[in-house]
PDB file of N, CA and C in Angstrom:
ATOM      1  N   UNK A   1      16.580  16.125  -5.519  1.00  0.00           N
ATOM      2  CA  UNK A   1      16.134  16.269  -4.145  1.00  0.00           C
ATOM      3  C   UNK A   1      14.615  16.117  -4.033  1.00  0.00           C
ATOM      4  N   UNK A   2      13.884  16.803  -4.922  1.00  0.00           N
ATOM      5  CA  UNK A   2      12.422  16.734  -4.896  1.00  0.00           C
ATOM      6  C   UNK A   2      11.937  15.330  -5.246  1.00  0.00           C
ATOM      7  N   UNK A   3      12.623  14.702  -6.201  1.00  0.00           N
ATOM      8  CA  UNK A   3      12.242  13.342  -6.596  1.00  0.00           C
ATOM      9  C   UNK A   3      12.421  12.372  -5.435  1.00  0.00           C
ATOM     10  N   UNK A   4      13.485  12.516  -4.672  1.00  0.00           N
ATOM     11  CA  UNK A   4      13.733  11.643  -3.530  1.00  0.00           C
ATOM     12  C   UNK A   4      12.656  11.813  -2.462  1.00  0.00           C
ATOM     13  N   UNK A   5      12.267  13.057  -2.215  1.00  0.00           N
ATOM     14  CA  UNK A   5      11.209  13.313  -1.235  1.00  0.00           C
ATOM     15  C   UNK A   5       9.891  12.692  -1.690  1.00  0.00           C
ATOM     16  N   UNK A   6       9.580  12.833  -2.989  1.00  0.00           N
ATOM     17  CA  UNK A   6       8.341  12.243  -3.507  1.00  0.00           C
ATOM     18  C   UNK A   6       8.356  10.722  -3.437  1.00  0.00           C
ATOM     19  N   UNK A   7       9.500  10.120  -3.700  1.00  0.00           N
ATOM     20  CA  UNK A   7       9.593   8.658  -3.632  1.00  0.00           C
ATOM     21  C   UNK A   7       9.411   8.174  -2.198  1.00  0.00           C
ATOM     22  N   UNK A   8      10.008   8.860  -1.240  1.00  0.00           N
ATOM     23  CA  UNK A   8       9.837   8.481   0.168  1.00  0.00           C
ATOM     24  C   UNK A   8       8.371   8.621   0.573  1.00  0.00           C
ATOM     25  N   UNK A   9       7.747   9.732   0.168  1.00  0.00           N
ATOM     26  CA  UNK A   9       6.337   9.951   0.482  1.00  0.00           C
ATOM     27  C   UNK A   9       5.451   8.898  -0.187  1.00  0.00           C
ATOM     28  N   UNK A  10       5.810   8.493  -1.406  1.00  0.00           N
ATOM     29  CA  UNK A  10       5.041   7.470  -2.107  1.00  0.00           C
ATOM     30  C   UNK A  10       5.137   6.116  -1.402  1.00  0.00           C
ATOM     31  N   UNK A  11       6.312   5.787  -0.899  1.00  0.00           N
ATOM     32  CA  UNK A  11       6.477   4.523  -0.169  1.00  0.00           C
ATOM     33  C   UNK A  11       5.623   4.534   1.094  1.00  0.00           C
ATOM     34  N   UNK A  12       5.600   5.671   1.794  1.00  0.00           N
ATOM     35  CA  UNK A  12       4.778   5.768   3.006  1.00  0.00           C
ATOM     36  C   UNK A  12       3.285   5.653   2.678  1.00  0.00           C
ATOM     37  N   UNK A  13       2.853   6.305   1.595  1.00  0.00           N
ATOM     38  CA  UNK A  13       1.451   6.196   1.180  1.00  0.00           C
ATOM     39  C   UNK A  13       1.129   4.767   0.770  1.00  0.00           C
ATOM     40  N   UNK A  14       2.059   4.123   0.083  1.00  0.00           N
ATOM     41  CA  UNK A  14       1.866   2.738  -0.342  1.00  0.00           C
ATOM     42  C   UNK A  14       1.715   1.803   0.854  1.00  0.00           C
ATOM     43  N   UNK A  15       2.557   1.966   1.860  1.00  0.00           N
ATOM     44  CA  UNK A  15       2.446   1.131   3.058  1.00  0.00           C
ATOM     45  C   UNK A  15       1.122   1.384   3.786  1.00  0.00           C
ATOM     46  N   UNK A  16       0.721   2.646   3.866  1.00  0.00           N
ATOM     47  CA  UNK A  16      -0.567   2.963   4.476  1.00  0.00           C
ATOM     48  C   UNK A  16      -1.724   2.357   3.717  1.00  0.00           C
ATOM     49  N   UNK A  17      -1.636   2.375   2.394  1.00  0.00           N
ATOM     50  CA  UNK A  17      -2.682   1.776   1.556  1.00  0.00           C
ATOM     51  C   UNK A  17      -2.761   0.267   1.770  1.00  0.00           C
ATOM     52  N   UNK A  18      -1.633  -0.384   1.827  1.00  0.00           N
ATOM     53  CA  UNK A  18      -1.613  -1.836   2.063  1.00  0.00           C
ATOM     54  C   UNK A  18      -2.216  -2.161   3.424  1.00  0.00           C
ATOM     55  N   UNK A  19      -1.847  -1.400   4.441  1.00  0.00           N
ATOM     56  CA  UNK A  19      -2.349  -1.663   5.792  1.00  0.00           C
ATOM     57  C   UNK A  19      -3.855  -1.457   5.871  1.00  0.00           C
ATOM     58  N   UNK A  20      -4.364  -0.369   5.278  1.00  0.00           N
ATOM     59  CA  UNK A  20      -5.807  -0.113   5.359  1.00  0.00           C
ATOM     60  C   UNK A  20      -6.612  -1.143   4.577  1.00  0.00           C
ATOM     61  N   UNK A  21      -6.076  -1.619   3.467  1.00  0.00           N
ATOM     62  CA  UNK A  21      -6.792  -2.645   2.706  1.00  0.00           C
ATOM     63  C   UNK A  21      -6.821  -3.965   3.471  1.00  0.00           C
ATOM     64  N   UNK A  22      -5.698  -4.323   4.091  1.00  0.00           N
ATOM     65  CA  UNK A  22      -5.657  -5.584   4.829  1.00  0.00           C
ATOM     66  C   UNK A  22      -6.492  -5.542   6.106  1.00  0.00           C
ATOM     67  N   UNK A  23      -6.714  -4.352   6.666  1.00  0.00           N
ATOM     68  CA  UNK A  23      -7.505  -4.247   7.890  1.00  0.00           C
ATOM     69  C   UNK A  23      -9.010  -4.343   7.634  1.00  0.00           C
ATOM     70  N   UNK A  24      -9.438  -4.156   6.386  1.00  0.00           N
ATOM     71  CA  UNK A  24     -10.861  -4.238   6.075  1.00  0.00           C
ATOM     72  C   UNK A  24     -11.319  -5.690   6.148  1.00  0.00           C
ATOM     73  N   UNK A  25     -12.566  -5.876   6.560  1.00  0.00           N
ATOM     74  CA  UNK A  25     -13.089  -7.236   6.639  1.00  0.00           C
ATOM     75  C   UNK A  25     -13.426  -7.738   5.237  1.00  0.00           C
ATOM     76  N   UNK A  26     -13.358  -9.055   5.078  1.00  0.00           N
ATOM     77  CA  UNK A  26     -13.654  -9.652   3.797  1.00  0.00           C
ATOM     78  C   UNK A  26     -15.123  -9.526   3.442  1.00  0.00           C
ATOM     79  N   UNK A  27     -15.419  -9.536   2.181  1.00  0.00           N
ATOM     80  CA  UNK A  27     -16.807  -9.390   1.738  1.00  0.00           C
ATOM     81  C   UNK A  27     -17.597 -10.683   1.894  1.00  0.00           C
ATOM     82  N   UNK A  28     -16.948 -11.807   1.765  1.00  0.00           N
ATOM     83  CA  UNK A  28     -17.650 -13.077   1.887  1.00  0.00           C
ATOM     84  C   UNK A  28     -16.923 -13.947   2.902  1.00  0.00           C
ATOM     85  N   UNK A  29     -17.633 -14.344   3.935  1.00  0.00           N
ATOM     86  CA  UNK A  29     -17.018 -15.207   4.938  1.00  0.00           C
ATOM     87  C   UNK A  29     -17.848 -16.475   5.041  1.00  0.00           C
ATOM     88  N   UNK A  30     -17.526 -17.432   4.215  1.00  0.00           N
ATOM     89  CA  UNK A  30     -18.262 -18.685   4.217  1.00  0.00           C
ATOM     90  C   UNK A  30     -19.538 -18.622   3.398  1.00  0.00           C
ATOM     91  N   UNK A  31     -20.371 -19.631   3.555  1.00  0.00           N
ATOM     92  CA  UNK A  31     -21.602 -19.723   2.776  1.00  0.00           C
ATOM     93  C   UNK A  31     -22.603 -18.654   3.186  1.00  0.00           C
ATOM     94  N   UNK A  32     -22.726 -18.394   4.475  1.00  0.00           N
ATOM     95  CA  UNK A  32     -23.667 -17.370   4.919  1.00  0.00           C
ATOM     96  C   UNK A  32     -23.208 -15.983   4.479  1.00  0.00           C
ATOM     97  N   UNK A  33     -21.920 -15.768   4.433  1.00  0.00           N
ATOM     98  CA  UNK A  33     -21.391 -14.483   3.987  1.00  0.00           C
ATOM     99  C   UNK A  33     -21.586 -14.279   2.495  1.00  0.00           C
ATOM    100  N   UNK A  34     -21.611 -15.387   1.743  1.00  0.00           N
ATOM    101  CA  UNK A  34     -21.817 -15.263   0.306  1.00  0.00           C
ATOM    102  C   UNK A  34     -23.228 -14.789  -0.003  1.00  0.00           C
ATOM    103  N   UNK A  35     -24.184 -15.213   0.800  1.00  0.00           N
ATOM    104  CA  UNK A  35     -25.577 -14.804   0.568  1.00  0.00           C
ATOM    105  C   UNK A  35     -25.830 -13.425   1.163  1.00  0.00           C
ATOM    106  N   UNK A  36     -25.525 -13.237   2.417  1.00  0.00           N
ATOM    107  CA  UNK A  36     -25.783 -11.965   3.086  1.00  0.00           C
ATOM    108  C   UNK A  36     -24.786 -10.892   2.664  1.00  0.00           C
ATOM    109  N   UNK A  37     -23.549 -11.275   2.425  1.00  0.00           N
ATOM    110  CA  UNK A  37     -22.536 -10.297   2.037  1.00  0.00           C
ATOM    111  C   UNK A  37     -22.812  -9.694   0.682  1.00  0.00           C
ATOM    112  N   UNK A  38     -23.342 -10.491  -0.234  1.00  0.00           N
ATOM    113  CA  UNK A  38     -23.686  -9.959  -1.546  1.00  0.00           C
ATOM    114  C   UNK A  38     -24.807  -8.954  -1.463  1.00  0.00           C
ATOM    115  N   UNK A  39     -25.795  -9.226  -0.623  1.00  0.00           N
ATOM    116  CA  UNK A  39     -26.900  -8.290  -0.456  1.00  0.00           C
ATOM    117  C   UNK A  39     -26.436  -7.025   0.241  1.00  0.00           C
ATOM    118  N   UNK A  40     -25.542  -7.158   1.206  1.00  0.00           N
ATOM    119  CA  UNK A  40     -25.040  -5.973   1.910  1.00  0.00           C
ATOM    120  C   UNK A  40     -24.256  -5.072   0.973  1.00  0.00           C
ATOM    121  N   UNK A  41     -23.461  -5.669   0.086  1.00  0.00           N
ATOM    122  CA  UNK A  41     -22.679  -4.826  -0.811  1.00  0.00           C
ATOM    123  C   UNK A  41     -23.564  -4.157  -1.854  1.00  0.00           C
ATOM    124  N   UNK A  42     -24.660  -4.804  -2.231  1.00  0.00           N
ATOM    125  CA  UNK A  42     -25.583  -4.178  -3.178  1.00  0.00           C
ATOM    126  C   UNK A  42     -26.377  -3.058  -2.527  1.00  0.00           C
ATOM    127  N   UNK A  43     -26.780  -3.255  -1.301  1.00  0.00           N
ATOM    128  CA  UNK A  43     -27.599  -2.274  -0.610  1.00  0.00           C
ATOM    129  C   UNK A  43     -26.764  -1.233   0.119  1.00  0.00           C
ATOM    130  N   UNK A  44     -25.458  -1.403   0.129  1.00  0.00           N
ATOM    131  CA  UNK A  44     -24.576  -0.413   0.732  1.00  0.00           C
ATOM    132  C   UNK A  44     -24.617  -0.371   2.243  1.00  0.00           C
ATOM    133  N   UNK A  45     -24.594  -1.516   2.911  1.00  0.00           N
ATOM    134  CA  UNK A  45     -24.669  -1.549   4.372  1.00  0.00           C
ATOM    135  C   UNK A  45     -23.290  -1.711   4.998  1.00  0.00           C
ATOM    136  N   UNK A  46     -22.367  -0.838   4.643  1.00  0.00           N
ATOM    137  CA  UNK A  46     -21.067  -0.841   5.305  1.00  0.00           C
ATOM    138  C   UNK A  46     -21.148   0.145   6.453  1.00  0.00           C
ATOM    139  N   UNK A  47     -20.787  -0.292   7.625  1.00  0.00           N
ATOM    140  CA  UNK A  47     -20.905   0.597   8.779  1.00  0.00           C
ATOM    141  C   UNK A  47     -19.630   0.582   9.594  1.00  0.00           C
ATOM    142  N   UNK A  48     -19.447   1.653  10.308  1.00  0.00           N
ATOM    143  CA  UNK A  48     -18.373   1.717  11.288  1.00  0.00           C
ATOM    144  C   UNK A  48     -16.990   1.735  10.698  1.00  0.00           C
ATOM    145  N   UNK A  49     -16.165   0.837  11.181  1.00  0.00           N
ATOM    146  CA  UNK A  49     -14.749   0.821  10.840  1.00  0.00           C
ATOM    147  C   UNK A  49     -14.519   0.527   9.365  1.00  0.00           C
ATOM    148  N   UNK A  50     -15.307  -0.366   8.764  1.00  0.00           N
ATOM    149  CA  UNK A  50     -15.121  -0.684   7.348  1.00  0.00           C
ATOM    150  C   UNK A  50     -15.366   0.525   6.457  1.00  0.00           C
ATOM    151  N   UNK A  51     -16.371   1.304   6.796  1.00  0.00           N
ATOM    152  CA  UNK A  51     -16.658   2.508   6.003  1.00  0.00           C
ATOM    153  C   UNK A  51     -15.514   3.513   6.143  1.00  0.00           C
ATOM    154  N   UNK A  52     -15.014   3.690   7.351  1.00  0.00           N
ATOM    155  CA  UNK A  52     -13.900   4.605   7.598  1.00  0.00           C
ATOM    156  C   UNK A  52     -12.642   4.154   6.857  1.00  0.00           C
ATOM    157  N   UNK A  53     -12.327   2.850   6.931  1.00  0.00           N
ATOM    158  CA  UNK A  53     -11.154   2.330   6.242  1.00  0.00           C
ATOM    159  C   UNK A  53     -11.301   2.425   4.729  1.00  0.00           C
ATOM    160  N   UNK A  54     -12.521   2.278   4.241  1.00  0.00           N
ATOM    161  CA  UNK A  54     -12.765   2.410   2.809  1.00  0.00           C
ATOM    162  C   UNK A  54     -12.495   3.833   2.333  1.00  0.00           C
ATOM    163  N   UNK A  55     -12.909   4.821   3.124  1.00  0.00           N
ATOM    164  CA  UNK A  55     -12.651   6.216   2.764  1.00  0.00           C
ATOM    165  C   UNK A  55     -11.162   6.536   2.808  1.00  0.00           C
ATOM    166  N   UNK A  56     -10.471   6.004   3.806  1.00  0.00           N
ATOM    167  CA  UNK A  56      -9.026   6.222   3.897  1.00  0.00           C
ATOM    168  C   UNK A  56      -8.319   5.557   2.714  1.00  0.00           C
ATOM    169  N   UNK A  57      -8.751   4.348   2.348  1.00  0.00           N
ATOM    170  CA  UNK A  57      -8.148   3.642   1.215  1.00  0.00           C
ATOM    171  C   UNK A  57      -8.342   4.415  -0.079  1.00  0.00           C
ATOM    172  N   UNK A  58      -9.513   4.997  -0.254  1.00  0.00           N
ATOM    173  CA  UNK A  58      -9.780   5.787  -1.456  1.00  0.00           C
ATOM    174  C   UNK A  58      -8.871   7.012  -1.512  1.00  0.00           C
ATOM    175  N   UNK A  59      -8.721   7.691  -0.390  1.00  0.00           N
ATOM    176  CA  UNK A  59      -7.843   8.861  -0.346  1.00  0.00           C
ATOM    177  C   UNK A  59      -6.386   8.510  -0.583  1.00  0.00           C
ATOM    178  N   UNK A  60      -5.942   7.414   0.018  1.00  0.00           N
ATOM    179  CA  UNK A  60      -4.554   6.992  -0.174  1.00  0.00           C
ATOM    180  C   UNK A  60      -4.297   6.531  -1.609  1.00  0.00           C
ATOM    181  N   UNK A  61      -5.280   5.884  -2.225  1.00  0.00           N
ATOM    182  CA  UNK A  61      -5.123   5.454  -3.617  1.00  0.00           C
ATOM    183  C   UNK A  61      -5.025   6.665  -4.538  1.00  0.00           C
ATOM    184  N   UNK A  62      -5.835   7.686  -4.287  1.00  0.00           N
ATOM    185  CA  UNK A  62      -5.761   8.906  -5.090  1.00  0.00           C
ATOM    186  C   UNK A  62      -4.410   9.600  -4.894  1.00  0.00           C
ATOM    187  N   UNK A  63      -3.939   9.645  -3.642  1.00  0.00           N
ATOM    188  CA  UNK A  63      -2.633  10.252  -3.363  1.00  0.00           C
ATOM    189  C   UNK A  63      -1.514   9.471  -4.049  1.00  0.00           C
ATOM    190  N   UNK A  64      -1.597   8.152  -4.028  1.00  0.00           N
ATOM    191  CA  UNK A  64      -0.593   7.308  -4.682  1.00  0.00           C
ATOM    192  C   UNK A  64      -0.558   7.584  -6.183  1.00  0.00           C
ATOM    193  N   UNK A  65      -1.732   7.716  -6.773  1.00  0.00           N
ATOM    194  CA  UNK A  65      -1.837   7.987  -8.212  1.00  0.00           C
ATOM    195  C   UNK A  65      -1.217   9.342  -8.561  1.00  0.00           C
ATOM    196  N   UNK A  66      -1.540  10.352  -7.783  1.00  0.00           N
ATOM    197  CA  UNK A  66      -1.037  11.699  -8.050  1.00  0.00           C
ATOM    198  C   UNK A  66       0.475  11.778  -7.855  1.00  0.00           C
ATOM    199  N   UNK A  67       0.968  11.160  -6.785  1.00  0.00           N
ATOM    200  CA  UNK A  67       2.412  11.176  -6.536  1.00  0.00           C
ATOM    201  C   UNK A  67       3.157  10.430  -7.638  1.00  0.00           C
ATOM    202  N   UNK A  68       2.594   9.321  -8.098  1.00  0.00           N
ATOM    203  CA  UNK A  68       3.222   8.567  -9.189  1.00  0.00           C
ATOM    204  C   UNK A  68       3.291   9.406 -10.454  1.00  0.00           C
ATOM    205  N   UNK A  69       2.223  10.141 -10.759  1.00  0.00           N
ATOM    206  CA  UNK A  69       2.250  11.022 -11.936  1.00  0.00           C
ATOM    207  C   UNK A  69       3.292  12.129 -11.775  1.00  0.00           C
ATOM    208  N   UNK A  70       3.399  12.696 -10.577  1.00  0.00           N
ATOM    209  CA  UNK A  70       4.386  13.742 -10.347  1.00  0.00           C
ATOM    210  C   UNK A  70       5.816  13.222 -10.525  1.00  0.00           C
ATOM    211  N   UNK A  71       6.066  12.018 -10.040  1.00  0.00           N
ATOM    212  CA  UNK A  71       7.407  11.422 -10.196  1.00  0.00           C
ATOM    213  C   UNK A  71       7.701  11.179 -11.673  1.00  0.00           C
ATOM    214  N   UNK A  72       6.691  10.736 -12.420  1.00  0.00           N
ATOM    215  CA  UNK A  72       6.885  10.490 -13.851  1.00  0.00           C
ATOM    216  C   UNK A  72       7.136  11.803 -14.612  1.00  0.00           C
ATOM    217  N   UNK A  73       6.498  12.890 -14.174  1.00  0.00           N
ATOM    218  CA  UNK A  73       6.691  14.178 -14.855  1.00  0.00           C
ATOM    219  C   UNK A  73       8.069  14.772 -14.578  1.00  0.00           C
ATOM    220  N   UNK A  74       8.605  14.481 -13.394  1.00  0.00           N
ATOM    221  CA  UNK A  74       9.915  15.034 -13.028  1.00  0.00           C
ATOM    222  C   UNK A  74      11.022  14.427 -13.885  1.00  0.00           C
ATOM    223  N   UNK A  75      10.879  13.156 -14.222  1.00  0.00           N
ATOM    224  CA  UNK A  75      11.943  12.482 -14.979  1.00  0.00           C
ATOM    225  C   UNK A  75      12.085  12.993 -16.355  1.00  0.00           C
TER     226      UNK A  75
END
């Protein structure tokens, strides 16, 4: 019963992780993005929605990792 609940929760976290990663803007968009985007990523100029989605992605990735370990321990 507990394993089934964890698997369902893991699938939901996985879908959320996929959605948040796909919603983030790309780092390089063409030639101008390759020059300016590289400098922005080095200097840490992520603002607004991208920063928020990045934090959510980090949290969901950590949750996915922990849930996967819990499922492996149950078996």
